[in-house]
Amino acid sequence: VTEGMKLQASSEGIFYAAEVVAVSTSKKRAKAPVKVHFLGYAADYDEWVGADRLRSKALRPDEAGAKPEGKSEGKKGPKGKKD
């Protein structure tokens, strides 16, 4: 995972289009080392996430650790906030 990479990240179990804005190597961030920006949403929605909440064809399945989930219909954005 590299900065600027486009992928999908989940928020409350729903995957959204996102872009990697930072990758941390700090031990404090070991569980959630990737900061993502959800495309189309304000920076307030940016989140630090772990590999289990990311998916991309560029990631190997064992690297992402996430199982594909179905999309849910709804108008809520990341973290359950309204657009």
N, C-alpha and C. Protein backbone atom coordinates (compact mmCIF):
# COMPACT_ATOMS: atom_id res chain seq x y z
N VAL A 1 0.86 -1.18 0.00
CA VAL A 1 0.00 0.00 0.00
C VAL A 1 0.90 1.23 0.00
N THR A 2 0.60 2.14 -0.91
CA THR A 2 1.40 3.36 -1.01
C THR A 2 0.49 4.59 -1.04
N GLU A 3 1.04 5.74 -0.67
CA GLU A 3 0.28 6.99 -0.71
C GLU A 3 -0.19 7.26 -2.13
N GLY A 4 -1.41 7.73 -2.26
CA GLY A 4 -1.99 8.03 -3.56
C GLY A 4 -2.71 6.84 -4.20
N MET A 5 -2.55 5.65 -3.62
CA MET A 5 -3.18 4.45 -4.16
C MET A 5 -4.70 4.54 -3.99
N LYS A 6 -5.43 4.23 -5.05
CA LYS A 6 -6.89 4.21 -5.01
C LYS A 6 -7.33 2.78 -4.66
N LEU A 7 -8.28 2.66 -3.75
CA LEU A 7 -8.77 1.35 -3.32
C LEU A 7 -10.14 1.54 -2.71
N GLN A 8 -10.63 0.52 -2.04
CA GLN A 8 -11.89 0.63 -1.31
C GLN A 8 -11.59 0.38 0.16
N ALA A 9 -12.24 1.17 1.00
CA ALA A 9 -12.08 1.01 2.45
C ALA A 9 -13.47 0.95 3.07
N SER A 10 -13.58 0.16 4.12
CA SER A 10 -14.90 0.02 4.75
C SER A 10 -15.05 0.96 5.94
N SER A 11 -16.28 1.38 6.11
CA SER A 11 -16.67 2.16 7.27
C SER A 11 -18.02 1.61 7.69
N GLU A 12 -18.10 1.12 8.92
CA GLU A 12 -19.31 0.49 9.43
C GLU A 12 -19.80 -0.64 8.53
N GLY A 13 -18.86 -1.41 7.98
CA GLY A 13 -19.19 -2.59 7.18
C GLY A 13 -19.51 -2.34 5.72
N ILE A 14 -19.47 -1.10 5.28
CA ILE A 14 -19.77 -0.77 3.88
C ILE A 14 -18.49 -0.25 3.23
N PHE A 15 -18.19 -0.76 2.03
CA PHE A 15 -16.98 -0.32 1.33
C PHE A 15 -17.26 0.91 0.48
N TYR A 16 -16.33 1.88 0.56
CA TYR A 16 -16.40 3.13 -0.19
C TYR A 16 -15.12 3.32 -0.98
N ALA A 17 -15.20 4.06 -2.09
CA ALA A 17 -14.00 4.41 -2.85
C ALA A 17 -13.15 5.32 -1.96
N ALA A 18 -11.86 5.03 -1.93
CA ALA A 18 -10.96 5.78 -1.05
C ALA A 18 -9.58 5.92 -1.69
N GLU A 19 -8.79 6.80 -1.11
CA GLU A 19 -7.40 7.01 -1.54
C GLU A 19 -6.53 7.02 -0.30
N VAL A 20 -5.38 6.36 -0.40
CA VAL A 20 -4.44 6.31 0.72
C VAL A 20 -3.75 7.67 0.82
N VAL A 21 -3.81 8.30 2.00
CA VAL A 21 -3.16 9.59 2.20
C VAL A 21 -1.91 9.48 3.06
N ALA A 22 -1.79 8.40 3.83
CA ALA A 22 -0.59 8.20 4.65
C ALA A 22 -0.48 6.73 5.03
N VAL A 23 0.78 6.30 5.18
CA VAL A 23 1.06 4.94 5.66
C VAL A 23 2.06 5.08 6.80
N SER A 24 1.72 4.55 7.97
CA SER A 24 2.57 4.69 9.14
C SER A 24 3.36 3.41 9.40
N THR A 25 4.58 3.56 9.87
CA THR A 25 5.39 2.42 10.28
C THR A 25 5.54 2.40 11.81
N SER A 26 4.86 3.32 12.47
CA SER A 26 4.93 3.43 13.93
C SER A 26 4.29 2.22 14.61
N LYS A 27 4.87 1.78 15.70
CA LYS A 27 4.31 0.66 16.47
C LYS A 27 2.94 1.04 17.04
N LYS A 28 2.74 2.33 17.32
CA LYS A 28 1.46 2.79 17.85
C LYS A 28 0.33 2.59 16.84
N ARG A 29 0.66 2.59 15.56
CA ARG A 29 -0.32 2.46 14.49
C ARG A 29 -0.34 1.05 13.89
N ALA A 30 0.22 0.08 14.57
CA ALA A 30 0.34 -1.28 14.03
C ALA A 30 -1.01 -1.89 13.64
N LYS A 31 -2.06 -1.61 14.39
CA LYS A 31 -3.37 -2.19 14.09
C LYS A 31 -4.11 -1.44 12.99
N ALA A 32 -3.80 -0.18 12.79
CA ALA A 32 -4.45 0.63 11.76
C ALA A 32 -3.42 1.56 11.12
N PRO A 33 -2.54 1.00 10.29
CA PRO A 33 -1.42 1.79 9.76
C PRO A 33 -1.70 2.62 8.51
N VAL A 34 -2.90 2.55 7.96
CA VAL A 34 -3.18 3.23 6.69
C VAL A 34 -4.26 4.29 6.88
N LYS A 35 -3.93 5.55 6.55
CA LYS A 35 -4.91 6.62 6.62
C LYS A 35 -5.53 6.78 5.24
N VAL A 36 -6.86 6.71 5.18
CA VAL A 36 -7.55 6.82 3.90
C VAL A 36 -8.47 8.03 3.88
N HIS A 37 -8.64 8.58 2.68
CA HIS A 37 -9.59 9.65 2.44
C HIS A 37 -10.70 9.06 1.59
N PHE A 38 -11.94 9.15 2.06
CA PHE A 38 -13.08 8.64 1.32
C PHE A 38 -13.44 9.64 0.22
N LEU A 39 -13.33 9.21 -1.04
CA LEU A 39 -13.55 10.09 -2.17
C LEU A 39 -14.98 10.62 -2.18
N GLY A 40 -15.10 11.92 -2.38
CA GLY A 40 -16.41 12.56 -2.40
C GLY A 40 -16.88 13.03 -1.04
N TYR A 41 -16.08 12.82 -0.01
CA TYR A 41 -16.44 13.22 1.35
C TYR A 41 -15.38 14.18 1.89
N ALA A 42 -15.77 14.96 2.88
CA ALA A 42 -14.85 15.92 3.50
C ALA A 42 -13.73 15.20 4.24
N ALA A 43 -12.65 15.91 4.49
CA ALA A 43 -11.50 15.34 5.20
C ALA A 43 -11.87 14.90 6.62
N ASP A 44 -12.99 15.40 7.14
CA ASP A 44 -13.45 14.98 8.48
C ASP A 44 -13.70 13.48 8.54
N TYR A 45 -13.95 12.87 7.38
CA TYR A 45 -14.24 11.44 7.33
C TYR A 45 -12.98 10.59 7.21
N ASP A 46 -11.82 11.19 6.99
CA ASP A 46 -10.58 10.42 6.87
C ASP A 46 -10.39 9.55 8.11
N GLU A 47 -9.90 8.33 7.89
CA GLU A 47 -9.74 7.37 8.99
C GLU A 47 -8.44 6.59 8.87
N TRP A 48 -7.90 6.19 10.01
CA TRP A 48 -6.80 5.24 10.05
C TRP A 48 -7.44 3.85 10.08
N VAL A 49 -7.06 3.00 9.15
CA VAL A 49 -7.67 1.66 9.06
C VAL A 49 -6.61 0.58 8.96
N GLY A 50 -7.01 -0.62 9.30
CA GLY A 50 -6.15 -1.79 9.17
C GLY A 50 -6.41 -2.49 7.85
N ALA A 51 -5.57 -3.44 7.51
CA ALA A 51 -5.68 -4.17 6.25
C ALA A 51 -7.00 -4.91 6.11
N ASP A 52 -7.61 -5.29 7.23
CA ASP A 52 -8.88 -6.00 7.17
C ASP A 52 -10.03 -5.12 6.66
N ARG A 53 -9.80 -3.81 6.60
CA ARG A 53 -10.84 -2.89 6.12
C ARG A 53 -10.52 -2.33 4.74
N LEU A 54 -9.53 -2.90 4.08
CA LEU A 54 -9.14 -2.45 2.74
C LEU A 54 -9.37 -3.55 1.72
N ARG A 55 -9.69 -3.14 0.49
CA ARG A 55 -9.71 -4.12 -0.60
C ARG A 55 -9.33 -3.42 -1.89
N SER A 56 -8.56 -4.16 -2.68
CA SER A 56 -8.07 -3.67 -3.96
C SER A 56 -7.51 -4.85 -4.73
N LYS A 57 -7.62 -4.81 -6.03
CA LYS A 57 -7.04 -5.88 -6.85
C LYS A 57 -5.52 -5.88 -6.73
N ALA A 58 -4.95 -4.74 -6.33
CA ALA A 58 -3.50 -4.64 -6.19
C ALA A 58 -3.01 -5.32 -4.91
N LEU A 59 -3.91 -5.60 -3.97
CA LEU A 59 -3.53 -6.27 -2.72
C LEU A 59 -3.74 -7.76 -2.85
N ARG A 60 -2.81 -8.53 -2.31
CA ARG A 60 -2.99 -9.98 -2.26
C ARG A 60 -4.01 -10.30 -1.19
N PRO A 61 -4.81 -11.36 -1.35
CA PRO A 61 -5.83 -11.69 -0.35
C PRO A 61 -5.28 -11.85 1.06
N ASP A 62 -4.12 -12.47 1.21
CA ASP A 62 -3.56 -12.64 2.55
C ASP A 62 -3.05 -11.32 3.11
N GLU A 63 -2.72 -10.37 2.23
CA GLU A 63 -2.25 -9.06 2.67
C GLU A 63 -3.41 -8.22 3.19
N ALA A 64 -4.54 -8.27 2.50
CA ALA A 64 -5.69 -7.48 2.90
C ALA A 64 -6.42 -8.12 4.07
N GLY A 65 -6.52 -9.43 4.06
CA GLY A 65 -7.18 -10.13 5.15
C GLY A 65 -8.68 -9.95 5.20
N ALA A 66 -9.23 -9.31 4.19
CA ALA A 66 -10.67 -9.04 4.20
C ALA A 66 -11.41 -9.98 3.26
N LYS A 67 -12.56 -10.40 3.68
CA LYS A 67 -13.42 -11.20 2.82
C LYS A 67 -14.36 -10.24 2.11
N PRO A 68 -14.66 -10.50 0.83
CA PRO A 68 -15.57 -9.60 0.13
C PRO A 68 -16.93 -9.55 0.82
N GLU A 69 -17.46 -8.34 0.93
CA GLU A 69 -18.76 -8.15 1.54
C GLU A 69 -19.68 -7.51 0.53
N GLY A 70 -20.96 -7.76 0.66
CA GLY A 70 -21.93 -7.17 -0.24
C GLY A 70 -22.10 -5.69 0.04
N LYS A 71 -22.47 -4.95 -0.98
CA LYS A 71 -22.73 -3.53 -0.80
C LYS A 71 -24.10 -3.34 -0.18
N SER A 72 -24.25 -2.32 0.56
CA SER A 72 -25.52 -2.01 1.19
C SER A 72 -26.06 -0.72 0.58
N GLU A 73 -27.35 -0.68 0.39
CA GLU A 73 -27.97 0.53 -0.14
C GLU A 73 -28.13 1.53 0.99
N GLY A 74 -27.99 2.80 0.69
CA GLY A 74 -28.20 3.81 1.71
C GLY A 74 -27.49 5.08 1.36
N LYS A 75 -27.87 6.15 2.01
CA LYS A 75 -27.31 7.45 1.72
C LYS A 75 -26.33 7.93 2.78
N LYS A 76 -26.04 7.11 3.77
CA LYS A 76 -25.09 7.52 4.79
C LYS A 76 -23.67 7.40 4.24
N GLY A 77 -22.80 8.27 4.72
CA GLY A 77 -21.41 8.23 4.31
C GLY A 77 -20.59 7.44 5.31
N PRO A 78 -19.26 7.49 5.19
CA PRO A 78 -18.39 6.80 6.13
C PRO A 78 -18.72 7.22 7.57
N LYS A 79 -18.58 6.31 8.48
CA LYS A 79 -18.83 6.52 9.92
C LYS A 79 -20.29 6.83 10.21
N GLY A 80 -21.19 6.55 9.26
CA GLY A 80 -22.60 6.74 9.51
C GLY A 80 -23.08 8.17 9.43
N LYS A 81 -22.20 9.10 9.03
CA LYS A 81 -22.60 10.51 8.93
C LYS A 81 -23.36 10.73 7.62
N LYS A 82 -24.27 11.64 7.64
CA LYS A 82 -25.03 11.97 6.43
C LYS A 82 -24.18 12.87 5.55
N ASP A 83 -24.40 12.76 4.21
CA ASP A 83 -23.66 13.59 3.26
C ASP A 83 -23.94 15.06 3.49
